[in-house]
Amino acid sequence: MMSPQNQNATAKDAVALLTADHAKVKTLFHEFKQCDASHEGLKHDLAQQICMELTIHATIEEEIFYPAVRAETGDEQQVDEALEEHASIKELVEHIRGMAVGDNELNSTVQKLRECVEHHVTEEEQEMFPKVRQSDADLVELCEQLQDRKEELEHDFGAQPVRGNNTAEAEGERSATGQAGS
């Protein structure tokens, strides 16, 4: 049975943190899609930020969350599938990272990345996350570990928000430190 303290903390648990990351990247993909050809520099910057966000997210999942999922749910197949999807996403991320401003392949490659990420997120949110919530995992403690590692990685990457001139969300909303519940 959950204590009232844990019930109040559910907005700051591991699943909430990872779900907030998913929402943030979805917003970045949307902003990328809304940019027209006259904003090639912003599109390139958004693509690079998407890549950084996905790299940090995948790292914390692989280092901390997935081992906990394996330990608490025993679902090896689901974690293995998620890791395979991460490998495909990482290939596209590396390809995008190597692109220059104005690269003709940027739009199509970001679209492929978006499709892979959307598929992966759907599986996590509809299958993996509910199983973890039903397990005995300490999701609040796991959240603290994920957040600490995320902050280390953001520092290592020199995470800087992308500031766009043409989007209302750009000011204050888009930063590399997006924390769940804040």
Protein backbone atom coordinates (compact mmCIF):
# COMPACT_ATOMS: atom_id res chain seq x y z
CA MET A 1 0.00 0.00 0.00
CA MET A 2 1.31 3.43 -0.91
CA SER A 3 1.89 5.96 1.80
CA PRO A 4 0.39 9.41 1.27
CA GLN A 5 3.93 10.71 0.77
CA ASN A 6 4.47 8.32 -2.17
CA GLN A 7 1.09 9.21 -3.66
CA ASN A 8 2.07 12.88 -3.63
CA ALA A 9 5.41 12.01 -5.22
CA THR A 10 3.97 10.16 -8.23
CA ALA A 11 4.46 13.25 -10.38
CA LYS A 12 8.17 12.93 -9.61
CA ASP A 13 8.58 9.22 -10.17
CA ALA A 14 10.72 7.53 -12.83
CA VAL A 15 7.83 6.89 -15.22
CA ALA A 16 6.69 10.52 -14.96
CA LEU A 17 10.23 11.74 -15.67
CA LEU A 18 10.64 9.52 -18.73
CA THR A 19 7.14 10.42 -19.98
CA ALA A 20 8.01 14.12 -19.64
CA ASP A 21 11.13 13.48 -21.76
CA HIS A 22 8.92 11.82 -24.38
CA ALA A 23 6.60 14.83 -24.44
CA LYS A 24 9.52 17.23 -24.75
CA VAL A 25 10.99 15.41 -27.76
CA LYS A 26 7.53 15.20 -29.35
CA THR A 27 7.29 19.00 -29.02
CA LEU A 28 10.74 19.42 -30.60
CA PHE A 29 9.74 17.18 -33.52
CA HIS A 30 6.58 19.28 -33.96
CA GLU A 31 8.58 22.52 -33.93
CA PHE A 32 11.01 21.03 -36.47
CA LYS A 33 8.13 20.12 -38.76
CA GLN A 34 6.63 23.63 -38.46
CA CYS A 35 9.84 25.32 -39.65
CA ASP A 36 9.85 26.25 -43.30
CA ALA A 37 12.81 26.20 -45.67
CA SER A 38 13.71 29.81 -44.82
CA HIS A 39 14.73 28.69 -41.32
CA GLU A 40 17.40 26.11 -42.21
CA GLY A 41 19.64 27.17 -39.32
CA LEU A 42 16.85 26.76 -36.77
CA LYS A 43 15.84 23.41 -38.30
CA HIS A 44 19.43 22.21 -38.02
CA ASP A 45 19.63 23.42 -34.40
CA LEU A 46 16.33 21.73 -33.53
CA ALA A 47 17.52 18.49 -35.13
CA GLN A 48 20.72 18.66 -33.09
CA GLN A 49 18.76 19.32 -29.89
CA ILE A 50 16.46 16.37 -30.67
CA CYS A 51 19.57 14.21 -31.06
CA MET A 52 21.04 15.41 -27.77
CA GLU A 53 17.76 14.90 -25.88
CA LEU A 54 17.39 11.38 -27.30
CA THR A 55 21.00 10.50 -26.50
CA ILE A 56 20.63 11.60 -22.88
CA HIS A 57 17.26 9.86 -22.55
CA ALA A 58 18.52 6.59 -24.04
CA THR A 59 21.58 6.67 -21.80
CA ILE A 60 19.61 7.04 -18.57
CA GLU A 61 17.17 4.35 -19.67
CA GLU A 62 19.95 1.92 -20.58
CA GLU A 63 22.12 2.58 -17.53
CA ILE A 64 19.44 2.85 -14.84
CA PHE A 65 15.84 2.25 -15.91
CA TYR A 66 16.08 -0.88 -18.05
CA PRO A 67 18.18 -2.80 -15.51
CA ALA A 68 15.50 -1.95 -12.91
CA VAL A 69 12.75 -3.08 -15.32
CA ARG A 70 14.56 -6.41 -15.82
CA ALA A 71 15.03 -6.87 -12.08
CA GLU A 72 11.49 -5.89 -11.07
CA THR A 73 9.38 -7.34 -13.91
CA GLY A 74 11.60 -10.15 -15.22
CA ASP A 75 10.55 -9.13 -18.74
CA GLU A 76 13.78 -9.79 -20.65
CA GLN A 77 12.11 -9.76 -24.09
CA GLN A 78 10.57 -6.33 -23.67
CA VAL A 79 13.85 -4.80 -22.49
CA ASP A 80 15.80 -6.50 -25.30
CA GLU A 81 13.33 -5.14 -27.86
CA ALA A 82 13.64 -1.64 -26.38
CA LEU A 83 17.44 -1.88 -26.63
CA GLU A 84 17.19 -2.94 -30.29
CA GLU A 85 14.96 0.06 -30.97
CA HIS A 86 17.50 2.31 -29.22
CA ALA A 87 20.21 0.94 -31.53
CA SER A 88 18.18 1.91 -34.62
CA ILE A 89 17.46 5.35 -33.16
CA LYS A 90 21.16 5.87 -32.34
CA GLU A 91 22.15 5.13 -35.95
CA LEU A 92 19.79 7.84 -37.19
CA VAL A 93 20.96 10.24 -34.46
CA GLU A 94 24.59 9.78 -35.52
CA HIS A 95 23.64 10.34 -39.16
CA ILE A 96 21.80 13.58 -38.28
CA ARG A 97 24.67 14.78 -36.06
CA GLY A 98 26.97 14.62 -39.07
CA MET A 99 24.72 16.75 -41.27
CA ALA A 100 25.46 20.34 -42.16
CA VAL A 101 22.97 23.21 -42.24
CA GLY A 102 20.95 22.92 -45.45
CA ASP A 103 21.63 19.19 -45.96
CA ASN A 104 18.99 17.85 -48.37
CA GLU A 105 18.56 14.66 -46.32
CA LEU A 106 17.78 16.41 -43.02
CA ASN A 107 13.98 16.48 -43.36
CA SER A 108 13.64 12.86 -44.46
CA THR A 109 16.10 11.57 -41.87
CA VAL A 110 14.42 13.49 -39.04
CA GLN A 111 11.07 12.09 -40.25
CA LYS A 112 12.49 8.53 -40.09
CA LEU A 113 13.83 9.26 -36.61
CA ARG A 114 10.44 10.63 -35.54
CA GLU A 115 8.67 7.48 -36.73
CA CYS A 116 11.12 5.21 -34.87
CA VAL A 117 10.86 7.30 -31.70
CA GLU A 118 7.04 7.41 -31.83
CA HIS A 119 6.88 3.61 -32.18
CA HIS A 120 9.31 3.15 -29.29
CA VAL A 121 7.51 5.65 -27.04
CA THR A 122 4.13 4.01 -27.70
CA GLU A 123 5.48 0.61 -26.67
CA GLU A 124 7.12 2.01 -23.54
CA GLU A 125 4.12 4.02 -22.42
CA GLN A 126 1.50 1.37 -23.19
CA GLU A 127 3.38 -1.80 -22.25
CA MET A 128 6.57 -1.30 -20.24
CA PHE A 129 5.58 1.61 -17.98
CA PRO A 130 2.33 -0.02 -16.74
CA LYS A 131 4.27 -3.20 -15.86
CA VAL A 132 6.85 -1.20 -13.93
CA ARG A 133 4.11 0.70 -12.08
CA GLN A 134 2.59 -2.65 -11.02
CA SER A 135 5.96 -3.97 -9.82
CA ASP A 136 7.66 -3.36 -6.49
CA ALA A 137 10.14 -0.91 -8.03
CA ASP A 138 10.80 2.20 -5.95
CA LEU A 139 9.93 4.67 -8.71
CA VAL A 140 10.69 7.72 -6.57
CA GLU A 141 14.23 6.50 -5.78
CA LEU A 142 14.67 5.49 -9.42
CA CYS A 143 13.57 8.99 -10.47
CA GLU A 144 16.25 10.55 -8.28
CA GLN A 145 18.91 8.31 -9.87
CA LEU A 146 17.65 9.10 -13.38
CA GLN A 147 17.54 12.84 -12.67
CA ASP A 148 21.06 12.88 -11.18
CA ARG A 149 22.49 11.02 -14.18
CA LYS A 150 20.51 13.20 -16.60
CA GLU A 151 21.97 16.34 -15.04
CA GLU A 152 25.50 14.90 -15.31
CA LEU A 153 24.97 14.12 -18.98
CA GLU A 154 23.47 17.55 -19.69
CA HIS A 155 26.53 19.11 -18.10
CA ASP A 156 28.85 16.83 -20.11
CA PHE A 157 27.04 17.72 -23.33
CA GLY A 158 27.08 21.42 -22.50
CA ALA A 159 23.33 21.34 -23.01
CA GLN A 160 22.03 24.68 -24.23
CA PRO A 161 18.46 25.46 -25.15
CA VAL A 162 17.67 26.30 -28.75
CA ARG A 163 16.11 29.73 -29.02
CA GLY A 164 13.88 30.23 -32.01
CA ASN A 165 12.54 33.58 -33.10
CA ASN A 166 9.40 32.19 -34.65
CA THR A 167 7.88 30.01 -31.93
CA ALA A 168 6.06 31.15 -28.84
CA GLU A 169 7.35 28.12 -26.92
CA ALA A 170 10.97 28.88 -27.67
CA GLU A 171 11.40 31.34 -24.84
CA GLY A 172 11.65 29.46 -21.59
CA GLU A 173 9.97 26.26 -22.75
CA ARG A 174 12.71 24.61 -24.74
CA SER A 175 15.69 23.76 -22.59
CA ALA A 176 17.89 20.74 -22.23
CA THR A 177 17.05 20.44 -18.54
CA GLY A 178 13.29 19.83 -18.80
CA GLN A 179 12.38 18.26 -15.49
CA ALA A 180 9.24 16.27 -14.86
CA GLY A 181 6.72 18.24 -12.90
CA SER A 182 8.51 21.56 -12.95
